Amino acid sequence: MDATAEYGAVGKLKLPALLIWGREDKTVSAADIQQIEELIPGIEYHTIEEAGHIPQYERPEVVNPLLINFLNGLKNPLGPERWDNRSIARFNNQNNQGCDSLVINRSELASS
């Protein structure tokens, strides 16, 4: 992996960030994860056991609570309700995101 500039730019934003990594990931190595942690100070990081590159599909019972807890610490751009599985799905549908991960523009959240 060589996305140093991109991860460094995210780190300079000083916004909340969440990193979830499957321990059995063959695409992103443990060294890559360590580099990301160094480039994004204060990142919330979780290793998911018995999961590979797509832990949100392989272990949703572990990943979804992590996502919901993280998002509930942020201001919800959809309104006053707390994040849950339905509001995450609605956010993805409204923003035409791909189905493999939840992607949120943190600058939109910060300015909401």
PDB file of N, CA and C in Angstrom:
ATOM      1  N   MET A   1       0.842  -1.183   0.000  1.00  0.00           N
ATOM      2  CA  MET A   1       0.000   0.000   0.000  1.00  0.00           C
ATOM      3  C   MET A   1       0.879   1.235   0.000  1.00  0.00           C
ATOM      4  N   ASP A   2       0.567   2.178  -0.885  1.00  0.00           N
ATOM      5  CA  ASP A   2       1.252   3.451  -0.827  1.00  0.00           C
ATOM      6  C   ASP A   2       0.248   4.568  -1.050  1.00  0.00           C
ATOM      7  N   ALA A   3      -0.516   4.819  -0.028  1.00  0.00           N
ATOM      8  CA  ALA A   3      -1.484   5.905  -0.054  1.00  0.00           C
ATOM      9  C   ALA A   3      -1.124   6.908   1.033  1.00  0.00           C
ATOM     10  N   THR A   4       0.180   7.056   1.252  1.00  0.00           N
ATOM     11  CA  THR A   4       0.684   7.904   2.328  1.00  0.00           C
ATOM     12  C   THR A   4       0.127   9.316   2.235  1.00  0.00           C
ATOM     13  N   ALA A   5       0.141   9.908   1.058  1.00  0.00           N
ATOM     14  CA  ALA A   5      -0.337  11.284   0.907  1.00  0.00           C
ATOM     15  C   ALA A   5      -1.816  11.398   1.268  1.00  0.00           C
ATOM     16  N   GLU A   6      -2.606  10.438   0.811  1.00  0.00           N
ATOM     17  CA  GLU A   6      -4.044  10.480   1.084  1.00  0.00           C
ATOM     18  C   GLU A   6      -4.329  10.343   2.578  1.00  0.00           C
ATOM     19  N   TYR A   7      -3.710   9.349   3.212  1.00  0.00           N
ATOM     20  CA  TYR A   7      -3.937   9.162   4.640  1.00  0.00           C
ATOM     21  C   TYR A   7      -3.373  10.326   5.442  1.00  0.00           C
ATOM     22  N   GLY A   8      -2.254  10.872   5.013  1.00  0.00           N
ATOM     23  CA  GLY A   8      -1.688  12.046   5.669  1.00  0.00           C
ATOM     24  C   GLY A   8      -2.628  13.239   5.589  1.00  0.00           C
ATOM     25  N   ALA A   9      -3.278  13.409   4.431  1.00  0.00           N
ATOM     26  CA  ALA A   9      -4.240  14.504   4.264  1.00  0.00           C
ATOM     27  C   ALA A   9      -5.432  14.318   5.191  1.00  0.00           C
ATOM     28  N   VAL A  10      -5.902  13.085   5.333  1.00  0.00           N
ATOM     29  CA  VAL A  10      -7.006  12.809   6.265  1.00  0.00           C
ATOM     30  C   VAL A  10      -6.570  13.142   7.683  1.00  0.00           C
ATOM     31  N   GLY A  11      -5.359  12.760   8.040  1.00  0.00           N
ATOM     32  CA  GLY A  11      -4.856  13.037   9.379  1.00  0.00           C
ATOM     33  C   GLY A  11      -4.784  14.526   9.681  1.00  0.00           C
ATOM     34  N   LYS A  12      -4.468  15.338   8.687  1.00  0.00           N
ATOM     35  CA  LYS A  12      -4.376  16.790   8.884  1.00  0.00           C
ATOM     36  C   LYS A  12      -5.739  17.435   9.099  1.00  0.00           C
ATOM     37  N   LEU A  13      -6.821  16.748   8.733  1.00  0.00           N
ATOM     38  CA  LEU A  13      -8.156  17.306   8.925  1.00  0.00           C
ATOM     39  C   LEU A  13      -8.543  17.362  10.404  1.00  0.00           C
ATOM     40  N   LYS A  14      -7.908  16.528  11.201  1.00  0.00           N
ATOM     41  CA  LYS A  14      -8.168  16.467  12.646  1.00  0.00           C
ATOM     42  C   LYS A  14      -9.652  16.237  12.940  1.00  0.00           C
ATOM     43  N   LEU A  15     -10.237  15.345  12.166  1.00  0.00           N
ATOM     44  CA  LEU A  15     -11.630  14.958  12.357  1.00  0.00           C
ATOM     45  C   LEU A  15     -11.691  13.517  12.846  1.00  0.00           C
ATOM     46  N   PRO A  16     -12.788  13.128  13.460  1.00  0.00           N
ATOM     47  CA  PRO A  16     -12.907  11.738  13.910  1.00  0.00           C
ATOM     48  C   PRO A  16     -12.767  10.762  12.748  1.00  0.00           C
ATOM     49  N   ALA A  17     -12.052   9.682  12.983  1.00  0.00           N
ATOM     50  CA  ALA A  17     -11.856   8.660  11.957  1.00  0.00           C
ATOM     51  C   ALA A  17     -11.928   7.293  12.617  1.00  0.00           C
ATOM     52  N   LEU A  18     -12.463   6.350  11.874  1.00  0.00           N
ATOM     53  CA  LEU A  18     -12.615   4.981  12.360  1.00  0.00           C
ATOM     54  C   LEU A  18     -11.950   4.044  11.369  1.00  0.00           C
ATOM     55  N   LEU A  19     -11.126   3.145  11.871  1.00  0.00           N
ATOM     56  CA  LEU A  19     -10.446   2.153  11.052  1.00  0.00           C
ATOM     57  C   LEU A  19     -10.805   0.775  11.589  1.00  0.00           C
ATOM     58  N   ILE A  20     -11.408  -0.043  10.735  1.00  0.00           N
ATOM     59  CA  ILE A  20     -11.775  -1.412  11.093  1.00  0.00           C
ATOM     60  C   ILE A  20     -11.034  -2.330  10.133  1.00  0.00           C
ATOM     61  N   TRP A  21     -10.284  -3.271  10.689  1.00  0.00           N
ATOM     62  CA  TRP A  21      -9.429  -4.140   9.871  1.00  0.00           C
ATOM     63  C   TRP A  21      -9.653  -5.595  10.263  1.00  0.00           C
ATOM     64  N   GLY A  22      -9.815  -6.450   9.276  1.00  0.00           N
ATOM     65  CA  GLY A  22      -9.924  -7.880   9.516  1.00  0.00           C
ATOM     66  C   GLY A  22      -8.542  -8.499   9.640  1.00  0.00           C
ATOM     67  N   ARG A  23      -8.312  -9.210  10.734  1.00  0.00           N
ATOM     68  CA  ARG A  23      -6.983  -9.767  10.985  1.00  0.00           C
ATOM     69  C   ARG A  23      -6.488 -10.667   9.852  1.00  0.00           C
ATOM     70  N   GLU A  24      -7.396 -11.328   9.131  1.00  0.00           N
ATOM     71  CA  GLU A  24      -7.007 -12.236   8.052  1.00  0.00           C
ATOM     72  C   GLU A  24      -6.968 -11.547   6.683  1.00  0.00           C
ATOM     73  N   ASP A  25      -6.962 -10.218   6.664  1.00  0.00           N
ATOM     74  CA  ASP A  25      -6.928  -9.451   5.414  1.00  0.00           C
ATOM     75  C   ASP A  25      -5.636  -9.752   4.659  1.00  0.00           C
ATOM     76  N   LYS A  26      -5.778 -10.173   3.407  1.00  0.00           N
ATOM     77  CA  LYS A  26      -4.617 -10.475   2.563  1.00  0.00           C
ATOM     78  C   LYS A  26      -4.254  -9.293   1.662  1.00  0.00           C
ATOM     79  N   THR A  27      -5.091  -8.252   1.673  1.00  0.00           N
ATOM     80  CA  THR A  27      -4.861  -7.080   0.825  1.00  0.00           C
ATOM     81  C   THR A  27      -4.148  -5.972   1.581  1.00  0.00           C
ATOM     82  N   VAL A  28      -4.587  -5.709   2.802  1.00  0.00           N
ATOM     83  CA  VAL A  28      -4.012  -4.660   3.645  1.00  0.00           C
ATOM     84  C   VAL A  28      -3.300  -5.347   4.798  1.00  0.00           C
ATOM     85  N   SER A  29      -2.007  -5.112   4.896  1.00  0.00           N
ATOM     86  CA  SER A  29      -1.196  -5.806   5.901  1.00  0.00           C
ATOM     87  C   SER A  29      -1.232  -5.104   7.255  1.00  0.00           C
ATOM     88  N   ALA A  30      -0.753  -5.795   8.273  1.00  0.00           N
ATOM     89  CA  ALA A  30      -0.636  -5.206   9.605  1.00  0.00           C
ATOM     90  C   ALA A  30       0.310  -4.002   9.572  1.00  0.00           C
ATOM     91  N   ALA A  31       1.353  -4.060   8.751  1.00  0.00           N
ATOM     92  CA  ALA A  31       2.270  -2.923   8.612  1.00  0.00           C
ATOM     93  C   ALA A  31       1.547  -1.721   7.999  1.00  0.00           C
ATOM     94  N   ASP A  32       0.663  -1.985   7.038  1.00  0.00           N
ATOM     95  CA  ASP A  32      -0.131  -0.903   6.438  1.00  0.00           C
ATOM     96  C   ASP A  32      -1.005  -0.242   7.496  1.00  0.00           C
ATOM     97  N   ILE A  33      -1.627  -1.059   8.340  1.00  0.00           N
ATOM     98  CA  ILE A  33      -2.494  -0.547   9.392  1.00  0.00           C
ATOM     99  C   ILE A  33      -1.685   0.322  10.359  1.00  0.00           C
ATOM    100  N   GLN A  34      -0.508  -0.128  10.704  1.00  0.00           N
ATOM    101  CA  GLN A  34       0.348   0.654  11.607  1.00  0.00           C
ATOM    102  C   GLN A  34       0.686   1.999  10.974  1.00  0.00           C
ATOM    103  N   GLN A  35       0.956   2.003   9.684  1.00  0.00           N
ATOM    104  CA  GLN A  35       1.267   3.256   8.981  1.00  0.00           C
ATOM    105  C   GLN A  35       0.051   4.194   8.986  1.00  0.00           C
ATOM    106  N   ILE A  36      -1.127   3.646   8.755  1.00  0.00           N
ATOM    107  CA  ILE A  36      -2.346   4.460   8.771  1.00  0.00           C
ATOM    108  C   ILE A  36      -2.538   5.079  10.158  1.00  0.00           C
ATOM    109  N   GLU A  37      -2.328   4.287  11.202  1.00  0.00           N
ATOM    110  CA  GLU A  37      -2.468   4.803  12.571  1.00  0.00           C
ATOM    111  C   GLU A  37      -1.495   5.949  12.834  1.00  0.00           C
ATOM    112  N   GLU A  38      -0.295   5.856  12.279  1.00  0.00           N
ATOM    113  CA  GLU A  38       0.692   6.920  12.458  1.00  0.00           C
ATOM    114  C   GLU A  38       0.308   8.172  11.678  1.00  0.00           C
ATOM    115  N   LEU A  39      -0.319   8.003  10.526  1.00  0.00           N
ATOM    116  CA  LEU A  39      -0.672   9.134   9.671  1.00  0.00           C
ATOM    117  C   LEU A  39      -1.963   9.827  10.089  1.00  0.00           C
ATOM    118  N   ILE A  40      -2.812   9.136  10.848  1.00  0.00           N
ATOM    119  CA  ILE A  40      -4.077   9.715  11.298  1.00  0.00           C
ATOM    120  C   ILE A  40      -4.101   9.661  12.826  1.00  0.00           C
ATOM    121  N   PRO A  41      -3.518  10.671  13.466  1.00  0.00           N
ATOM    122  CA  PRO A  41      -3.479  10.681  14.937  1.00  0.00           C
ATOM    123  C   PRO A  41      -4.885  10.630  15.523  1.00  0.00           C
ATOM    124  N   GLY A  42      -5.037   9.829  16.567  1.00  0.00           N
ATOM    125  CA  GLY A  42      -6.309   9.751  17.258  1.00  0.00           C
ATOM    126  C   GLY A  42      -7.349   8.865  16.590  1.00  0.00           C
ATOM    127  N   ILE A  43      -6.954   8.157  15.534  1.00  0.00           N
ATOM    128  CA  ILE A  43      -7.910   7.291  14.842  1.00  0.00           C
ATOM    129  C   ILE A  43      -8.402   6.206  15.802  1.00  0.00           C
ATOM    130  N   GLU A  44      -9.685   5.932  15.742  1.00  0.00           N
ATOM    131  CA  GLU A  44     -10.241   4.824  16.517  1.00  0.00           C
ATOM    132  C   GLU A  44     -10.043   3.557  15.689  1.00  0.00           C
ATOM    133  N   TYR A  45      -9.345   2.593  16.243  1.00  0.00           N
ATOM    134  CA  TYR A  45      -8.945   1.404  15.482  1.00  0.00           C
ATOM    135  C   TYR A  45      -9.440   0.138  16.156  1.00  0.00           C
ATOM    136  N   HIS A  46      -9.983  -0.765  15.331  1.00  0.00           N
ATOM    137  CA  HIS A  46     -10.448  -2.061  15.826  1.00  0.00           C
ATOM    138  C   HIS A  46      -9.988  -3.165  14.875  1.00  0.00           C
ATOM    139  N   THR A  47      -9.432  -4.223  15.436  1.00  0.00           N
ATOM    140  CA  THR A  47      -9.111  -5.423  14.669  1.00  0.00           C
ATOM    141  C   THR A  47     -10.256  -6.406  14.847  1.00  0.00           C
ATOM    142  N   ILE A  48     -10.731  -6.957  13.731  1.00  0.00           N
ATOM    143  CA  ILE A  48     -11.819  -7.923  13.772  1.00  0.00           C
ATOM    144  C   ILE A  48     -11.225  -9.302  13.536  1.00  0.00           C
ATOM    145  N   GLU A  49     -11.365 -10.154  14.530  1.00  0.00           N
ATOM    146  CA  GLU A  49     -10.863 -11.521  14.419  1.00  0.00           C
ATOM    147  C   GLU A  49     -11.747 -12.316  13.456  1.00  0.00           C
ATOM    148  N   GLU A  50     -11.161 -13.328  12.827  1.00  0.00           N
ATOM    149  CA  GLU A  50     -11.873 -14.214  11.907  1.00  0.00           C
ATOM    150  C   GLU A  50     -12.556 -13.451  10.777  1.00  0.00           C
ATOM    151  N   ALA A  51     -11.876 -12.401  10.289  1.00  0.00           N
ATOM    152  CA  ALA A  51     -12.387 -11.616   9.162  1.00  0.00           C
ATOM    153  C   ALA A  51     -11.220 -11.223   8.275  1.00  0.00           C
ATOM    154  N   GLY A  52     -11.511 -11.061   6.998  1.00  0.00           N
ATOM    155  CA  GLY A  52     -10.505 -10.656   6.030  1.00  0.00           C
ATOM    156  C   GLY A  52     -10.713  -9.216   5.589  1.00  0.00           C
ATOM    157  N   HIS A  53     -10.697  -9.010   4.259  1.00  0.00           N
ATOM    158  CA  HIS A  53     -10.728  -7.666   3.696  1.00  0.00           C
ATOM    159  C   HIS A  53     -12.090  -6.986   3.801  1.00  0.00           C
ATOM    160  N   ILE A  54     -13.153  -7.732   3.989  1.00  0.00           N
ATOM    161  CA  ILE A  54     -14.481  -7.123   4.077  1.00  0.00           C
ATOM    162  C   ILE A  54     -15.173  -7.533   5.385  1.00  0.00           C
ATOM    163  N   PRO A  55     -14.639  -7.079   6.505  1.00  0.00           N
ATOM    164  CA  PRO A  55     -15.180  -7.500   7.795  1.00  0.00           C
ATOM    165  C   PRO A  55     -16.638  -7.088   7.997  1.00  0.00           C
ATOM    166  N   GLN A  56     -17.089  -6.039   7.318  1.00  0.00           N
ATOM    167  CA  GLN A  56     -18.483  -5.626   7.470  1.00  0.00           C
ATOM    168  C   GLN A  56     -19.442  -6.676   6.916  1.00  0.00           C
ATOM    169  N   TYR A  57     -18.985  -7.508   5.996  1.00  0.00           N
ATOM    170  CA  TYR A  57     -19.788  -8.626   5.486  1.00  0.00           C
ATOM    171  C   TYR A  57     -19.511  -9.916   6.249  1.00  0.00           C
ATOM    172  N   GLU A  58     -18.250 -10.112   6.586  1.00  0.00           N
ATOM    173  CA  GLU A  58     -17.855 -11.359   7.236  1.00  0.00           C
ATOM    174  C   GLU A  58     -18.256 -11.423   8.708  1.00  0.00           C
ATOM    175  N   ARG A  59     -18.265 -10.284   9.371  1.00  0.00           N
ATOM    176  CA  ARG A  59     -18.580 -10.238  10.810  1.00  0.00           C
ATOM    177  C   ARG A  59     -19.463  -9.029  11.135  1.00  0.00           C
ATOM    178  N   PRO A  60     -20.616  -8.893  10.473  1.00  0.00           N
ATOM    179  CA  PRO A  60     -21.451  -7.711  10.723  1.00  0.00           C
ATOM    180  C   PRO A  60     -21.905  -7.592  12.173  1.00  0.00           C
ATOM    181  N   GLU A  61     -22.025  -8.712  12.866  1.00  0.00           N
ATOM    182  CA  GLU A  61     -22.454  -8.674  14.266  1.00  0.00           C
ATOM    183  C   GLU A  61     -21.409  -8.006  15.153  1.00  0.00           C
ATOM    184  N   VAL A  62     -20.157  -7.934  14.683  1.00  0.00           N
ATOM    185  CA  VAL A  62     -19.090  -7.256  15.407  1.00  0.00           C
ATOM    186  C   VAL A  62     -18.908  -5.835  14.871  1.00  0.00           C
ATOM    187  N   VAL A  63     -18.937  -5.677  13.553  1.00  0.00           N
ATOM    188  CA  VAL A  63     -18.652  -4.389  12.920  1.00  0.00           C
ATOM    189  C   VAL A  63     -19.796  -3.387  13.104  1.00  0.00           C
ATOM    190  N   ASN A  64     -21.038  -3.815  12.924  1.00  0.00           N
ATOM    191  CA  ASN A  64     -22.147  -2.864  12.995  1.00  0.00           C
ATOM    192  C   ASN A  64     -22.216  -2.115  14.328  1.00  0.00           C
ATOM    193  N   PRO A  65     -22.064  -2.778  15.470  1.00  0.00           N
ATOM    194  CA  PRO A  65     -22.069  -2.008  16.727  1.00  0.00           C
ATOM    195  C   PRO A  65     -20.916  -1.001  16.807  1.00  0.00           C
ATOM    196  N   LEU A  66     -19.759  -1.347  16.254  1.00  0.00           N
ATOM    197  CA  LEU A  66     -18.642  -0.400  16.240  1.00  0.00           C
ATOM    198  C   LEU A  66     -18.989   0.831  15.413  1.00  0.00           C
ATOM    199  N   LEU A  67     -19.578   0.613  14.228  1.00  0.00           N
ATOM    200  CA  LEU A  67     -19.990   1.728  13.373  1.00  0.00           C
ATOM    201  C   LEU A  67     -21.036   2.591  14.059  1.00  0.00           C
ATOM    202  N   ILE A  68     -22.032   1.950  14.619  1.00  0.00           N
ATOM    203  CA  ILE A  68     -23.123   2.699  15.261  1.00  0.00           C
ATOM    204  C   ILE A  68     -22.592   3.513  16.438  1.00  0.00           C
ATOM    205  N   ASN A  69     -21.752   2.919  17.271  1.00  0.00           N
ATOM    206  CA  ASN A  69     -21.184   3.658  18.407  1.00  0.00           C
ATOM    207  C   ASN A  69     -20.341   4.833  17.930  1.00  0.00           C
ATOM    208  N   PHE A  70     -19.539   4.624  16.902  1.00  0.00           N
ATOM    209  CA  PHE A  70     -18.716   5.704  16.362  1.00  0.00           C
ATOM    210  C   PHE A  70     -19.597   6.823  15.818  1.00  0.00           C
ATOM    211  N   LEU A  71     -20.573   6.468  14.994  1.00  0.00           N
ATOM    212  CA  LEU A  71     -21.436   7.474  14.375  1.00  0.00           C
ATOM    213  C   LEU A  71     -22.275   8.216  15.405  1.00  0.00           C
ATOM    214  N   ASN A  72     -22.685   7.537  16.453  1.00  0.00           N
ATOM    215  CA  ASN A  72     -23.469   8.202  17.486  1.00  0.00           C
ATOM    216  C   ASN A  72     -22.650   9.231  18.252  1.00  0.00           C
ATOM    217  N   GLY A  73     -21.349   9.188  18.115  1.00  0.00           N
ATOM    218  CA  GLY A  73     -20.486  10.215  18.697  1.00  0.00           C
ATOM    219  C   GLY A  73     -20.352  11.433  17.803  1.00  0.00           C
ATOM    220  N   LEU A  74     -20.913  11.368  16.591  1.00  0.00           N
ATOM    221  CA  LEU A  74     -20.868  12.467  15.634  1.00  0.00           C
ATOM    222  C   LEU A  74     -22.257  13.059  15.469  1.00  0.00           C
ATOM    223  N   LYS A  75     -22.329  14.244  14.905  1.00  0.00           N
ATOM    224  CA  LYS A  75     -23.629  14.837  14.612  1.00  0.00           C
ATOM    225  C   LYS A  75     -24.219  14.148  13.390  1.00  0.00           C
ATOM    226  N   ASN A  76     -25.469  13.703  13.485  1.00  0.00           N
ATOM    227  CA  ASN A  76     -26.152  12.997  12.402  1.00  0.00           C
ATOM    228  C   ASN A  76     -26.691  14.009  11.393  1.00  0.00           C
ATOM    229  N   PRO A  77     -26.212  13.985  10.138  1.00  0.00           N
ATOM    230  CA  PRO A  77     -26.680  14.952   9.142  1.00  0.00           C
ATOM    231  C   PRO A  77     -28.117  14.703   8.695  1.00  0.00           C
ATOM    232  N   LEU A  78     -28.695  13.580   9.097  1.00  0.00           N
ATOM    233  CA  LEU A  78     -30.071  13.266   8.694  1.00  0.00           C
ATOM    234  C   LEU A  78     -31.097  13.822   9.669  1.00  0.00           C
ATOM    235  N   GLY A  79     -30.666  14.320  10.793  1.00  0.00           N
ATOM    236  CA  GLY A  79     -31.613  14.836  11.763  1.00  0.00           C
ATOM    237  C   GLY A  79     -31.220  14.447  13.170  1.00  0.00           C
ATOM    238  N   PRO A  80     -32.154  14.626  14.086  1.00  0.00           N
ATOM    239  CA  PRO A  80     -31.820  14.433  15.498  1.00  0.00           C
ATOM    240  C   PRO A  80     -31.752  12.974  15.954  1.00  0.00           C
ATOM    241  N   GLU A  81     -32.258  12.040  15.132  1.00  0.00           N
ATOM    242  CA  GLU A  81     -32.277  10.660  15.612  1.00  0.00           C
ATOM    243  C   GLU A  81     -30.869  10.082  15.706  1.00  0.00           C
ATOM    244  N   ARG A  82     -30.743   9.084  16.549  1.00  0.00           N
ATOM    245  CA  ARG A  82     -29.463   8.399  16.704  1.00  0.00           C
ATOM    246  C   ARG A  82     -29.247   7.499  15.505  1.00  0.00           C
ATOM    247  N   TRP A  83     -28.006   7.164  15.238  1.00  0.00           N
ATOM    248  CA  TRP A  83     -27.692   6.242  14.150  1.00  0.00           C
ATOM    249  C   TRP A  83     -28.127   4.836  14.552  1.00  0.00           C
ATOM    250  N   ASP A  84     -28.651   4.108  13.602  1.00  0.00           N
ATOM    251  CA  ASP A  84     -28.950   2.702  13.766  1.00  0.00           C
ATOM    252  C   ASP A  84     -28.828   2.067  12.380  1.00  0.00           C
ATOM    253  N   ASN A  85     -29.114   0.786  12.274  1.00  0.00           N
ATOM    254  CA  ASN A  85     -28.953   0.114  10.978  1.00  0.00           C
ATOM    255  C   ASN A  85     -29.789   0.770   9.884  1.00  0.00           C
ATOM    256  N   ARG A  86     -31.015   1.232  10.211  1.00  0.00           N
ATOM    257  CA  ARG A  86     -31.873   1.865   9.194  1.00  0.00           C
ATOM    258  C   ARG A  86     -31.324   3.209   8.755  1.00  0.00           C
ATOM    259  N   SER A  87     -30.839   4.039   9.703  1.00  0.00           N
ATOM    260  CA  SER A  87     -30.342   5.353   9.303  1.00  0.00           C
ATOM    261  C   SER A  87     -29.036   5.228   8.521  1.00  0.00           C
ATOM    262  N   ILE A  88     -28.216   4.214   8.821  1.00  0.00           N
ATOM    263  CA  ILE A  88     -27.010   3.984   8.029  1.00  0.00           C
ATOM    264  C   ILE A  88     -27.398   3.611   6.601  1.00  0.00           C
ATOM    265  N   ALA A  89     -28.366   2.705   6.455  1.00  0.00           N
ATOM    266  CA  ALA A  89     -28.817   2.308   5.119  1.00  0.00           C
ATOM    267  C   ALA A  89     -29.407   3.503   4.384  1.00  0.00           C
ATOM    268  N   ARG A  90     -30.213   4.322   5.086  1.00  0.00           N
ATOM    269  CA  ARG A  90     -30.818   5.486   4.444  1.00  0.00           C
ATOM    270  C   ARG A  90     -29.743   6.478   4.006  1.00  0.00           C
ATOM    271  N   PHE A  91     -28.717   6.712   4.835  1.00  0.00           N
ATOM    272  CA  PHE A  91     -27.635   7.619   4.472  1.00  0.00           C
ATOM    273  C   PHE A  91     -26.943   7.123   3.207  1.00  0.00           C
ATOM    274  N   ASN A  92     -26.625   5.836   3.159  1.00  0.00           N
ATOM    275  CA  ASN A  92     -25.972   5.276   1.972  1.00  0.00           C
ATOM    276  C   ASN A  92     -26.851   5.423   0.748  1.00  0.00           C
ATOM    277  N   ASN A  93     -28.151   5.150   0.867  1.00  0.00           N
ATOM    278  CA  ASN A  93     -29.054   5.268  -0.272  1.00  0.00           C
ATOM    279  C   ASN A  93     -29.152   6.704  -0.755  1.00  0.00           C
ATOM    280  N   GLN A  94     -29.250   7.658   0.158  1.00  0.00           N
ATOM    281  CA  GLN A  94     -29.386   9.065  -0.218  1.00  0.00           C
ATOM    282  C   GLN A  94     -28.123   9.600  -0.865  1.00  0.00           C
ATOM    283  N   ASN A  95     -26.995   9.038  -0.501  1.00  0.00           N
ATOM    284  CA  ASN A  95     -25.722   9.544  -1.010  1.00  0.00           C
ATOM    285  C   ASN A  95     -25.124   8.648  -2.078  1.00  0.00           C
ATOM    286  N   ASN A  96     -25.893   7.659  -2.528  1.00  0.00           N
ATOM    287  CA  ASN A  96     -25.503   6.806  -3.648  1.00  0.00           C
ATOM    288  C   ASN A  96     -24.138   6.162  -3.440  1.00  0.00           C
ATOM    289  N   GLN A  97     -23.898   5.707  -2.213  1.00  0.00           N
ATOM    290  CA  GLN A  97     -22.617   5.063  -1.910  1.00  0.00           C
ATOM    291  C   GLN A  97     -22.623   3.621  -2.391  1.00  0.00           C
ATOM    292  N   GLY A  98     -21.441   3.085  -2.615  1.00  0.00           N
ATOM    293  CA  GLY A  98     -21.312   1.679  -2.973  1.00  0.00           C
ATOM    294  C   GLY A  98     -21.742   0.798  -1.821  1.00  0.00           C
ATOM    295  N   CYS A  99     -21.976  -0.464  -2.101  1.00  0.00           N
ATOM    296  CA  CYS A  99     -22.519  -1.356  -1.081  1.00  0.00           C
ATOM    297  C   CYS A  99     -21.436  -2.046  -0.263  1.00  0.00           C
ATOM    298  N   ASP A 100     -20.167  -1.793  -0.530  1.00  0.00           N
ATOM    299  CA  ASP A 100     -19.149  -2.533   0.201  1.00  0.00           C
ATOM    300  C   ASP A 100     -18.688  -1.836   1.468  1.00  0.00           C
ATOM    301  N   SER A 101     -19.046  -0.577   1.661  1.00  0.00           N
ATOM    302  CA  SER A 101     -18.652   0.100   2.890  1.00  0.00           C
ATOM    303  C   SER A 101     -19.461   1.372   3.064  1.00  0.00           C
ATOM    304  N   LEU A 102     -19.464   1.859   4.266  1.00  0.00           N
ATOM    305  CA  LEU A 102     -20.116   3.115   4.578  1.00  0.00           C
ATOM    306  C   LEU A 102     -19.074   4.205   4.442  1.00  0.00           C
ATOM    307  N   VAL A 103     -19.348   5.184   3.610  1.00  0.00           N
ATOM    308  CA  VAL A 103     -18.413   6.274   3.398  1.00  0.00           C
ATOM    309  C   VAL A 103     -19.128   7.576   3.735  1.00  0.00           C
ATOM    310  N   ILE A 104     -18.560   8.332   4.627  1.00  0.00           N
ATOM    311  CA  ILE A 104     -19.146   9.604   5.022  1.00  0.00           C
ATOM    312  C   ILE A 104     -18.096  10.686   4.858  1.00  0.00           C
ATOM    313  N   ASN A 105     -18.489  11.776   4.236  1.00  0.00           N
ATOM    314  CA  ASN A 105     -17.613  12.918   4.096  1.00  0.00           C
ATOM    315  C   ASN A 105     -17.570  13.614   5.450  1.00  0.00           C
ATOM    316  N   ARG A 106     -16.482  13.473   6.163  1.00  0.00           N
ATOM    317  CA  ARG A 106     -16.377  14.001   7.523  1.00  0.00           C
ATOM    318  C   ARG A 106     -16.497  15.528   7.543  1.00  0.00           C
ATOM    319  N   SER A 107     -16.089  16.225   6.485  1.00  0.00           N
ATOM    320  CA  SER A 107     -16.210  17.680   6.494  1.00  0.00           C
ATOM    321  C   SER A 107     -17.676  18.090   6.462  1.00  0.00           C
ATOM    322  N   GLU A 108     -18.538  17.294   5.815  1.00  0.00           N
ATOM    323  CA  GLU A 108     -19.974  17.570   5.842  1.00  0.00           C
ATOM    324  C   GLU A 108     -20.507  17.397   7.253  1.00  0.00           C
ATOM    325  N   LEU A 109     -20.056  16.373   7.954  1.00  0.00           N
ATOM    326  CA  LEU A 109     -20.520  16.146   9.314  1.00  0.00           C
ATOM    327  C   LEU A 109     -20.051  17.285  10.235  1.00  0.00           C
ATOM    328  N   ALA A 110     -18.828  17.712  10.048  1.00  0.00           N
ATOM    329  CA  ALA A 110     -18.275  18.736  10.910  1.00  0.00           C
ATOM    330  C   ALA A 110     -19.003  20.065  10.722  1.00  0.00           C
ATOM    331  N   SER A 111     -19.473  20.340   9.506  1.00  0.00           N
ATOM    332  CA  SER A 111     -20.126  21.613   9.246  1.00  0.00           C
ATOM    333  C   SER A 111     -21.621  21.563   9.463  1.00  0.00           C
ATOM    334  N   SER A 112     -22.170  20.376   9.747  1.00  0.00           N
ATOM    335  CA  SER A 112     -23.626  20.233   9.946  1.00  0.00           C
ATOM    336  C   SER A 112     -24.041  20.774  11.289  1.00  0.00           C
TER     337      SER A 112
END
